[in-house]
Amino acid sequence: MKFHNLFNSIIILDEVQNINDELWSTVRDFFSYLSKIGNSYIILMTATQPVIFEKTDIKEIVSNPE
């Protein structure tokens, strides 16, 4: 897939906690950059939210999961 195909997209990642923690900073930087320059949205779906992004960088879609 070419990088420009990710522009103007909604990208859904399921079970994001399975990403190796050594790659978290790379994943965070890449998706932060893509969302800023590419007008893209990233949806992380997981029951156990890893600390890839800071709380100020994310928006919970489900505020009360119970």
Foldseek 3Di string as FASTA:
>chain_A
DDPLVQAPEEAEDEPVVPPPPVCLQVVLVVVVVCCVPRVYHYHYHDPDDDPSDDPVVDDDPDPDPD
